[in-house]
Amino acid sequence: MATRFYGSICLTDLIDQAKKMHSSVKKHDKSGKYYVSVDVWINDEADKMGNTMKIILRSADETLRAKEGKVYVGSLREASVKGIKKSNNGFQEFDDLPF
């Protein structure tokens, strides 16, 4: 079963980093479109806003990674269907059934 996540990316920070020529931003030769390389990871614990995933810009190489540092641009959390929760054993728990 697929898992859906939702969240946000800060467009202002993304544009600022593109203007600063962050190494994660690349222009496609043929289409002329810009693409941003990112790293996404799942944290063991949710933050105070309930987010469990973070998005940072992915620097082009180790040298640039040390220079540019971690640039956080977004966060995500798992979407849930009302009344259905995923339990630790992988089964779904229904917490609003009338019986």
N, C-alpha and C. Protein backbone atom coordinates (compact mmCIF):
# COMPACT_ATOMS: atom_id res chain seq x y z
N MET A 1 0.84 -1.17 0.00
CA MET A 1 0.00 0.00 0.00
C MET A 1 0.88 1.24 0.00
N ALA A 2 0.59 2.19 -0.83
CA ALA A 2 1.37 3.42 -0.92
C ALA A 2 1.11 4.31 0.29
N THR A 3 2.10 5.09 0.66
CA THR A 3 1.96 6.05 1.74
C THR A 3 2.04 7.45 1.16
N ARG A 4 1.12 8.29 1.53
CA ARG A 4 1.08 9.65 1.02
C ARG A 4 1.58 10.61 2.08
N PHE A 5 2.34 11.60 1.66
CA PHE A 5 2.86 12.63 2.55
C PHE A 5 2.44 13.99 2.00
N TYR A 6 2.31 14.96 2.88
CA TYR A 6 2.03 16.32 2.43
C TYR A 6 2.86 17.29 3.27
N GLY A 7 3.08 18.46 2.76
CA GLY A 7 3.86 19.45 3.47
C GLY A 7 4.04 20.68 2.61
N SER A 8 5.14 21.38 2.85
CA SER A 8 5.37 22.61 2.10
C SER A 8 6.85 22.81 1.83
N ILE A 9 7.11 23.57 0.79
CA ILE A 9 8.46 23.99 0.42
C ILE A 9 8.45 25.51 0.41
N CYS A 10 9.44 26.12 1.03
CA CYS A 10 9.51 27.58 1.07
C CYS A 10 10.06 28.09 -0.26
N LEU A 11 9.17 28.63 -1.06
CA LEU A 11 9.54 29.13 -2.38
C LEU A 11 10.51 30.31 -2.27
N THR A 12 10.32 31.16 -1.26
CA THR A 12 11.21 32.31 -1.06
C THR A 12 12.65 31.85 -0.84
N ASP A 13 12.85 30.86 0.05
CA ASP A 13 14.20 30.34 0.29
C ASP A 13 14.76 29.67 -0.95
N LEU A 14 13.92 28.96 -1.67
CA LEU A 14 14.35 28.28 -2.88
C LEU A 14 14.82 29.28 -3.93
N ILE A 15 14.08 30.35 -4.14
CA ILE A 15 14.46 31.39 -5.10
C ILE A 15 15.73 32.10 -4.66
N ASP A 16 15.84 32.39 -3.35
CA ASP A 16 17.05 33.03 -2.83
C ASP A 16 18.28 32.17 -3.09
N GLN A 17 18.17 30.87 -2.86
CA GLN A 17 19.31 29.98 -3.08
C GLN A 17 19.64 29.86 -4.56
N ALA A 18 18.64 29.89 -5.42
CA ALA A 18 18.89 29.85 -6.87
C ALA A 18 19.63 31.11 -7.31
N LYS A 19 19.24 32.26 -6.77
CA LYS A 19 19.92 33.52 -7.09
C LYS A 19 21.37 33.52 -6.60
N LYS A 20 21.62 32.80 -5.49
CA LYS A 20 22.98 32.70 -4.94
C LYS A 20 23.80 31.64 -5.67
N MET A 21 23.18 31.01 -6.68
CA MET A 21 23.84 29.97 -7.48
C MET A 21 24.20 28.74 -6.65
N HIS A 22 23.29 28.30 -5.78
CA HIS A 22 23.51 27.07 -5.01
C HIS A 22 23.73 25.93 -6.00
N SER A 23 24.65 25.05 -5.68
CA SER A 23 25.03 23.99 -6.62
C SER A 23 23.92 22.97 -6.88
N SER A 24 22.86 22.98 -6.10
CA SER A 24 21.76 22.04 -6.31
C SER A 24 20.86 22.46 -7.47
N VAL A 25 20.97 23.71 -7.91
CA VAL A 25 20.11 24.23 -8.97
C VAL A 25 20.82 24.07 -10.32
N LYS A 26 20.15 23.38 -11.23
CA LYS A 26 20.72 23.13 -12.56
C LYS A 26 19.70 23.46 -13.64
N LYS A 27 20.19 23.98 -14.75
CA LYS A 27 19.33 24.26 -15.90
C LYS A 27 19.48 23.12 -16.90
N HIS A 28 18.36 22.57 -17.32
CA HIS A 28 18.36 21.49 -18.30
C HIS A 28 18.75 22.05 -19.66
N ASP A 29 19.71 21.41 -20.31
CA ASP A 29 20.22 21.91 -21.59
C ASP A 29 19.16 22.00 -22.68
N LYS A 30 18.34 20.98 -22.82
CA LYS A 30 17.39 20.95 -23.93
C LYS A 30 16.11 21.73 -23.66
N SER A 31 15.55 21.57 -22.47
CA SER A 31 14.26 22.21 -22.20
C SER A 31 14.40 23.63 -21.66
N GLY A 32 15.55 23.94 -21.08
CA GLY A 32 15.74 25.25 -20.48
C GLY A 32 15.08 25.38 -19.12
N LYS A 33 14.47 24.31 -18.62
CA LYS A 33 13.83 24.33 -17.31
C LYS A 33 14.88 24.16 -16.22
N TYR A 34 14.58 24.72 -15.04
CA TYR A 34 15.48 24.60 -13.89
C TYR A 34 14.99 23.49 -12.97
N TYR A 35 15.94 22.72 -12.47
CA TYR A 35 15.65 21.63 -11.55
C TYR A 35 16.49 21.81 -10.29
N VAL A 36 15.96 21.35 -9.17
CA VAL A 36 16.65 21.46 -7.89
C VAL A 36 16.82 20.06 -7.33
N SER A 37 18.05 19.69 -6.99
CA SER A 37 18.31 18.40 -6.35
C SER A 37 18.09 18.55 -4.85
N VAL A 38 17.36 17.60 -4.27
CA VAL A 38 17.05 17.67 -2.85
C VAL A 38 17.35 16.33 -2.18
N ASP A 39 17.53 16.39 -0.87
CA ASP A 39 17.58 15.21 -0.01
C ASP A 39 16.33 15.25 0.85
N VAL A 40 15.69 14.10 1.01
CA VAL A 40 14.53 13.98 1.89
C VAL A 40 14.80 12.83 2.83
N TRP A 41 14.51 13.03 4.12
CA TRP A 41 14.68 11.93 5.05
C TRP A 41 13.56 11.93 6.07
N ILE A 42 13.35 10.73 6.67
CA ILE A 42 12.31 10.56 7.67
C ILE A 42 12.97 10.54 9.04
N ASN A 43 12.49 11.42 9.91
CA ASN A 43 12.99 11.47 11.28
C ASN A 43 12.29 10.42 12.13
N ASP A 44 12.95 9.97 13.20
CA ASP A 44 12.34 9.00 14.11
C ASP A 44 11.19 9.61 14.89
N GLU A 45 11.29 10.89 15.20
CA GLU A 45 10.28 11.59 15.99
C GLU A 45 9.74 12.78 15.20
N ALA A 46 8.48 13.09 15.39
CA ALA A 46 7.88 14.26 14.75
C ALA A 46 8.36 15.53 15.46
N ASP A 47 8.47 16.62 14.72
CA ASP A 47 8.83 17.89 15.35
C ASP A 47 7.59 18.50 15.99
N LYS A 48 7.71 19.71 16.53
CA LYS A 48 6.59 20.32 17.25
C LYS A 48 5.38 20.61 16.36
N MET A 49 5.60 20.64 15.05
CA MET A 49 4.50 20.86 14.10
C MET A 49 3.92 19.56 13.56
N GLY A 50 4.46 18.42 13.99
CA GLY A 50 3.97 17.12 13.53
C GLY A 50 4.65 16.61 12.27
N ASN A 51 5.67 17.33 11.79
CA ASN A 51 6.39 16.91 10.58
C ASN A 51 7.39 15.82 10.90
N THR A 52 7.45 14.81 10.04
CA THR A 52 8.39 13.71 10.23
C THR A 52 9.45 13.65 9.14
N MET A 53 9.29 14.46 8.09
CA MET A 53 10.26 14.45 6.99
C MET A 53 10.78 15.86 6.77
N LYS A 54 12.05 15.95 6.39
CA LYS A 54 12.69 17.23 6.09
C LYS A 54 13.23 17.19 4.66
N ILE A 55 13.25 18.38 4.04
CA ILE A 55 13.79 18.52 2.69
C ILE A 55 14.90 19.55 2.73
N ILE A 56 16.09 19.16 2.25
CA ILE A 56 17.21 20.10 2.14
C ILE A 56 17.73 20.08 0.71
N LEU A 57 18.40 21.16 0.34
CA LEU A 57 19.03 21.21 -0.98
C LEU A 57 20.22 20.27 -0.99
N ARG A 58 20.39 19.55 -2.08
CA ARG A 58 21.49 18.59 -2.23
C ARG A 58 22.62 19.24 -3.01
N SER A 59 23.71 19.53 -2.33
CA SER A 59 24.87 20.14 -2.98
C SER A 59 25.46 19.17 -3.99
N ALA A 60 26.12 19.72 -5.00
CA ALA A 60 26.64 18.93 -6.10
C ALA A 60 27.76 17.96 -5.68
N ASP A 61 28.58 18.34 -4.71
CA ASP A 61 29.65 17.45 -4.26
C ASP A 61 30.06 17.77 -2.82
N GLU A 62 30.94 16.97 -2.26
CA GLU A 62 31.36 17.11 -0.86
C GLU A 62 31.99 18.47 -0.56
N THR A 63 32.81 18.96 -1.47
CA THR A 63 33.46 20.25 -1.26
C THR A 63 32.43 21.36 -1.13
N LEU A 64 31.48 21.37 -2.04
CA LEU A 64 30.43 22.39 -1.99
C LEU A 64 29.49 22.18 -0.81
N ARG A 65 29.27 20.93 -0.42
CA ARG A 65 28.40 20.63 0.71
C ARG A 65 28.94 21.27 1.99
N ALA A 66 30.26 21.20 2.17
CA ALA A 66 30.87 21.81 3.35
C ALA A 66 30.76 23.33 3.30
N LYS A 67 30.91 23.90 2.13
CA LYS A 67 30.84 25.36 1.95
C LYS A 67 29.41 25.88 2.08
N GLU A 68 28.46 25.21 1.43
CA GLU A 68 27.08 25.69 1.38
C GLU A 68 26.28 25.36 2.64
N GLY A 69 26.67 24.29 3.32
CA GLY A 69 25.94 23.87 4.51
C GLY A 69 24.58 23.26 4.17
N LYS A 70 23.84 22.90 5.23
CA LYS A 70 22.50 22.36 5.03
C LYS A 70 21.53 23.52 4.87
N VAL A 71 20.79 23.50 3.77
CA VAL A 71 19.79 24.52 3.52
C VAL A 71 18.43 23.83 3.54
N TYR A 72 17.68 24.03 4.63
CA TYR A 72 16.35 23.45 4.77
C TYR A 72 15.36 24.26 3.94
N VAL A 73 14.58 23.59 3.11
CA VAL A 73 13.60 24.28 2.28
C VAL A 73 12.18 23.78 2.50
N GLY A 74 11.99 22.70 3.26
CA GLY A 74 10.64 22.21 3.46
C GLY A 74 10.55 21.07 4.43
N SER A 75 9.32 20.69 4.72
CA SER A 75 9.06 19.57 5.62
C SER A 75 7.74 18.92 5.22
N LEU A 76 7.58 17.66 5.62
CA LEU A 76 6.42 16.86 5.25
C LEU A 76 5.94 16.04 6.44
N ARG A 77 4.70 15.62 6.37
CA ARG A 77 4.17 14.68 7.35
C ARG A 77 3.29 13.68 6.63
N GLU A 78 3.09 12.54 7.26
CA GLU A 78 2.29 11.49 6.64
C GLU A 78 0.82 11.88 6.67
N ALA A 79 0.16 11.70 5.55
CA ALA A 79 -1.27 11.96 5.46
C ALA A 79 -2.01 10.75 6.01
N SER A 80 -3.13 10.99 6.65
CA SER A 80 -3.92 9.87 7.16
C SER A 80 -5.38 10.06 6.77
N VAL A 81 -6.04 8.94 6.62
CA VAL A 81 -7.48 8.97 6.35
C VAL A 81 -8.17 9.02 7.70
N LYS A 82 -9.16 9.87 7.86
CA LYS A 82 -9.84 10.03 9.14
C LYS A 82 -10.31 8.69 9.69
N GLY A 83 -9.90 8.41 10.92
CA GLY A 83 -10.34 7.19 11.59
C GLY A 83 -9.44 5.99 11.35
N ILE A 84 -8.47 6.11 10.45
CA ILE A 84 -7.58 4.99 10.16
C ILE A 84 -6.16 5.41 10.51
N LYS A 85 -5.52 4.61 11.34
CA LYS A 85 -4.13 4.89 11.71
C LYS A 85 -3.29 3.67 11.40
N LYS A 86 -2.04 3.90 11.03
CA LYS A 86 -1.12 2.79 10.80
C LYS A 86 -0.47 2.45 12.14
N SER A 87 -0.53 1.19 12.55
CA SER A 87 0.06 0.78 13.81
C SER A 87 1.50 0.35 13.59
N ASN A 88 2.21 0.10 14.69
CA ASN A 88 3.62 -0.32 14.61
C ASN A 88 3.79 -1.67 13.95
N ASN A 89 2.77 -2.52 13.99
CA ASN A 89 2.89 -3.85 13.41
C ASN A 89 2.54 -3.88 11.92
N GLY A 90 2.23 -2.71 11.33
CA GLY A 90 1.96 -2.64 9.91
C GLY A 90 0.49 -2.77 9.54
N PHE A 91 -0.36 -3.14 10.51
CA PHE A 91 -1.78 -3.25 10.24
C PHE A 91 -2.46 -1.92 10.52
N GLN A 92 -3.60 -1.74 9.92
CA GLN A 92 -4.35 -0.51 10.16
C GLN A 92 -5.26 -0.69 11.37
N GLU A 93 -5.34 0.37 12.19
CA GLU A 93 -6.23 0.36 13.33
C GLU A 93 -7.37 1.33 13.06
N PHE A 94 -8.58 0.90 13.32
CA PHE A 94 -9.75 1.75 13.13
C PHE A 94 -10.20 2.21 14.51
N ASP A 95 -10.06 3.51 14.79
CA ASP A 95 -10.34 3.98 16.13
C ASP A 95 -11.71 4.63 16.29
N ASP A 96 -12.51 4.70 15.24
CA ASP A 96 -13.82 5.34 15.40
C ASP A 96 -14.98 4.41 15.00
N LEU A 97 -14.75 3.10 15.09
CA LEU A 97 -15.83 2.15 14.77
C LEU A 97 -16.83 2.12 15.92
N PRO A 98 -18.10 1.92 15.63
CA PRO A 98 -19.14 1.96 16.67
C PRO A 98 -19.19 0.72 17.57
N PHE A 99 -18.32 -0.23 17.39
CA PHE A 99 -18.34 -1.42 18.23
C PHE A 99 -16.97 -1.70 18.81
